[in-house]
Amino acid sequence: MDSVILASEALKLPAWERAQIIDALWRSLDPAEQASIDQAWLAESRDRLQAYRQGKLKAQDGEETLRNIEADLHS
């Protein structure tokens, strides 16, 4: 499949599906660095959880957040 056609079709997908494709493509570029990327995300997740538990970070509904992101992408 031509990359232009592929990109055009991918852009028709919902935001969360496009994000999954982005993640899969990103991982395919340099799998040797994936462990360090995973460690960085783990550290970020721990920091966010700690901030939430300390009342420094407010929780948000996941579906609502994705709808807001998708709306922002379309504006």
N, C-alpha and C. Protein backbone atom coordinates (compact mmCIF):
# COMPACT_ATOMS: atom_id res chain seq x y z
N MET A 1 0.85 -1.18 0.00
CA MET A 1 0.00 0.00 0.00
C MET A 1 0.89 1.24 0.00
N ASP A 2 0.55 2.18 -0.83
CA ASP A 2 1.27 3.45 -0.93
C ASP A 2 1.20 4.19 0.41
N SER A 3 2.32 4.81 0.81
CA SER A 3 2.35 5.49 2.12
C SER A 3 1.39 6.67 2.19
N VAL A 4 1.13 7.34 1.08
CA VAL A 4 0.19 8.46 1.07
C VAL A 4 -1.23 7.95 1.33
N ILE A 5 -1.58 6.85 0.71
CA ILE A 5 -2.91 6.24 0.92
C ILE A 5 -3.02 5.74 2.35
N LEU A 6 -1.97 5.11 2.82
CA LEU A 6 -1.96 4.59 4.19
C LEU A 6 -2.15 5.72 5.20
N ALA A 7 -1.42 6.81 5.01
CA ALA A 7 -1.55 7.95 5.92
C ALA A 7 -2.95 8.54 5.86
N SER A 8 -3.50 8.66 4.66
CA SER A 8 -4.85 9.20 4.49
C SER A 8 -5.87 8.34 5.22
N GLU A 9 -5.75 7.04 5.10
CA GLU A 9 -6.68 6.13 5.78
C GLU A 9 -6.48 6.18 7.30
N ALA A 10 -5.24 6.24 7.73
CA ALA A 10 -4.95 6.29 9.17
C ALA A 10 -5.55 7.54 9.81
N LEU A 11 -5.53 8.65 9.09
CA LEU A 11 -6.08 9.90 9.63
C LEU A 11 -7.59 9.85 9.82
N LYS A 12 -8.24 8.89 9.23
CA LYS A 12 -9.69 8.72 9.40
C LYS A 12 -10.04 7.97 10.68
N LEU A 13 -9.04 7.38 11.32
CA LEU A 13 -9.27 6.60 12.53
C LEU A 13 -9.49 7.51 13.73
N PRO A 14 -10.13 6.99 14.77
CA PRO A 14 -10.26 7.75 16.02
C PRO A 14 -8.87 8.03 16.61
N ALA A 15 -8.79 9.06 17.43
CA ALA A 15 -7.51 9.50 17.99
C ALA A 15 -6.79 8.38 18.73
N TRP A 16 -7.50 7.59 19.51
CA TRP A 16 -6.83 6.56 20.30
C TRP A 16 -6.24 5.47 19.41
N GLU A 17 -6.89 5.18 18.27
CA GLU A 17 -6.34 4.19 17.34
C GLU A 17 -5.11 4.75 16.63
N ARG A 18 -5.15 6.04 16.29
CA ARG A 18 -3.97 6.67 15.68
C ARG A 18 -2.81 6.66 16.66
N ALA A 19 -3.11 6.88 17.94
CA ALA A 19 -2.05 6.86 18.96
C ALA A 19 -1.43 5.46 19.06
N GLN A 20 -2.25 4.43 18.94
CA GLN A 20 -1.71 3.07 18.99
C GLN A 20 -0.78 2.80 17.80
N ILE A 21 -1.16 3.30 16.64
CA ILE A 21 -0.32 3.14 15.45
C ILE A 21 0.99 3.90 15.62
N ILE A 22 0.89 5.11 16.13
CA ILE A 22 2.10 5.90 16.37
C ILE A 22 3.04 5.16 17.30
N ASP A 23 2.48 4.62 18.38
CA ASP A 23 3.30 3.88 19.34
C ASP A 23 3.97 2.67 18.69
N ALA A 24 3.22 1.93 17.89
CA ALA A 24 3.78 0.75 17.23
C ALA A 24 4.89 1.14 16.25
N LEU A 25 4.67 2.21 15.49
CA LEU A 25 5.70 2.66 14.55
C LEU A 25 6.93 3.17 15.28
N TRP A 26 6.70 3.92 16.34
CA TRP A 26 7.83 4.46 17.12
C TRP A 26 8.68 3.32 17.68
N ARG A 27 8.03 2.31 18.22
CA ARG A 27 8.75 1.16 18.78
C ARG A 27 9.56 0.43 17.71
N SER A 28 9.07 0.45 16.49
CA SER A 28 9.77 -0.27 15.42
C SER A 28 11.03 0.44 14.95
N LEU A 29 11.16 1.73 15.25
CA LEU A 29 12.31 2.48 14.75
C LEU A 29 13.62 2.10 15.44
N ASP A 30 13.59 1.92 16.74
CA ASP A 30 14.82 1.60 17.46
C ASP A 30 14.49 0.75 18.68
N PRO A 31 14.25 -0.54 18.47
CA PRO A 31 13.85 -1.39 19.60
C PRO A 31 14.93 -1.49 20.69
N ALA A 32 16.17 -1.20 20.37
CA ALA A 32 17.23 -1.27 21.38
C ALA A 32 17.03 -0.23 22.48
N GLU A 33 16.37 0.87 22.16
CA GLU A 33 16.15 1.92 23.15
C GLU A 33 14.84 1.75 23.92
N GLN A 34 14.07 0.73 23.57
CA GLN A 34 12.75 0.57 24.19
C GLN A 34 12.83 0.41 25.70
N ALA A 35 13.83 -0.29 26.20
CA ALA A 35 13.95 -0.49 27.66
C ALA A 35 14.11 0.85 28.37
N SER A 36 14.92 1.74 27.83
CA SER A 36 15.11 3.04 28.48
C SER A 36 13.85 3.89 28.39
N ILE A 37 13.12 3.77 27.29
CA ILE A 37 11.85 4.49 27.15
C ILE A 37 10.85 3.97 28.17
N ASP A 38 10.78 2.65 28.31
CA ASP A 38 9.87 2.05 29.29
C ASP A 38 10.23 2.49 30.70
N GLN A 39 11.51 2.57 31.02
CA GLN A 39 11.94 3.01 32.35
C GLN A 39 11.56 4.47 32.59
N ALA A 40 11.69 5.30 31.57
CA ALA A 40 11.31 6.71 31.70
C ALA A 40 9.81 6.85 31.96
N TRP A 41 8.99 6.06 31.25
CA TRP A 41 7.55 6.10 31.48
C TRP A 41 7.19 5.57 32.86
N LEU A 42 7.91 4.55 33.32
CA LEU A 42 7.67 4.03 34.66
C LEU A 42 7.96 5.10 35.71
N ALA A 43 9.06 5.81 35.55
CA ALA A 43 9.41 6.89 36.49
C ALA A 43 8.35 7.99 36.45
N GLU A 44 7.90 8.34 35.25
CA GLU A 44 6.87 9.37 35.11
C GLU A 44 5.57 8.93 35.78
N SER A 45 5.20 7.68 35.59
CA SER A 45 3.98 7.15 36.21
C SER A 45 4.07 7.19 37.73
N ARG A 46 5.22 6.82 38.26
CA ARG A 46 5.41 6.86 39.71
C ARG A 46 5.33 8.28 40.24
N ASP A 47 5.94 9.23 39.51
CA ASP A 47 5.90 10.64 39.92
C ASP A 47 4.46 11.16 39.92
N ARG A 48 3.71 10.80 38.90
CA ARG A 48 2.32 11.26 38.82
C ARG A 48 1.47 10.65 39.92
N LEU A 49 1.68 9.37 40.20
CA LEU A 49 0.93 8.72 41.28
C LEU A 49 1.25 9.37 42.62
N GLN A 50 2.51 9.65 42.86
CA GLN A 50 2.90 10.30 44.11
C GLN A 50 2.26 11.69 44.20
N ALA A 51 2.28 12.45 43.11
CA ALA A 51 1.66 13.77 43.11
C ALA A 51 0.16 13.68 43.36
N TYR A 52 -0.49 12.67 42.79
CA TYR A 52 -1.92 12.47 43.02
C TYR A 52 -2.19 12.16 44.49
N ARG A 53 -1.42 11.27 45.05
CA ARG A 53 -1.61 10.89 46.46
C ARG A 53 -1.35 12.06 47.41
N GLN A 54 -0.49 12.97 47.00
CA GLN A 54 -0.19 14.14 47.83
C GLN A 54 -1.15 15.29 47.58
N GLY A 55 -2.11 15.08 46.69
CA GLY A 55 -3.09 16.11 46.39
C GLY A 55 -2.59 17.19 45.45
N LYS A 56 -1.45 16.97 44.82
CA LYS A 56 -0.89 17.96 43.90
C LYS A 56 -1.38 17.78 42.47
N LEU A 57 -2.03 16.65 42.22
CA LEU A 57 -2.50 16.33 40.88
C LEU A 57 -3.92 15.79 40.98
N LYS A 58 -4.80 16.30 40.15
CA LYS A 58 -6.21 15.90 40.16
C LYS A 58 -6.43 14.80 39.11
N ALA A 59 -7.23 13.81 39.45
CA ALA A 59 -7.55 12.74 38.51
C ALA A 59 -8.58 13.23 37.50
N GLN A 60 -8.51 12.68 36.28
CA GLN A 60 -9.47 13.01 35.25
C GLN A 60 -10.03 11.72 34.67
N ASP A 61 -11.28 11.78 34.23
CA ASP A 61 -11.91 10.64 33.58
C ASP A 61 -11.21 10.38 32.25
N GLY A 62 -10.80 9.13 32.02
CA GLY A 62 -10.05 8.78 30.82
C GLY A 62 -10.83 9.02 29.54
N GLU A 63 -12.08 8.58 29.49
CA GLU A 63 -12.87 8.75 28.27
C GLU A 63 -13.11 10.22 27.96
N GLU A 64 -13.37 11.01 29.00
CA GLU A 64 -13.58 12.45 28.80
C GLU A 64 -12.29 13.10 28.30
N THR A 65 -11.17 12.70 28.85
CA THR A 65 -9.88 13.24 28.42
C THR A 65 -9.63 12.93 26.96
N LEU A 66 -9.89 11.68 26.54
CA LEU A 66 -9.69 11.31 25.14
C LEU A 66 -10.63 12.10 24.22
N ARG A 67 -11.87 12.33 24.65
CA ARG A 67 -12.80 13.14 23.85
C ARG A 67 -12.26 14.56 23.70
N ASN A 68 -11.73 15.12 24.78
CA ASN A 68 -11.18 16.47 24.73
C ASN A 68 -9.98 16.54 23.79
N ILE A 69 -9.12 15.53 23.85
CA ILE A 69 -7.96 15.50 22.96
C ILE A 69 -8.40 15.42 21.51
N GLU A 70 -9.36 14.52 21.24
CA GLU A 70 -9.86 14.38 19.87
C GLU A 70 -10.49 15.67 19.38
N ALA A 71 -11.25 16.35 20.23
CA ALA A 71 -11.86 17.63 19.86
C ALA A 71 -10.78 18.65 19.55
N ASP A 72 -9.73 18.68 20.34
CA ASP A 72 -8.63 19.62 20.09
C ASP A 72 -7.94 19.32 18.76
N LEU A 73 -7.82 18.04 18.42
CA LEU A 73 -7.18 17.66 17.16
C LEU A 73 -7.99 18.10 15.96
N HIS A 74 -9.31 18.18 16.13
CA HIS A 74 -10.18 18.55 15.02
C HIS A 74 -10.41 20.05 14.92
N SER A 75 -9.90 20.81 15.88
CA SER A 75 -10.12 22.27 15.82
C SER A 75 -8.90 23.01 15.33
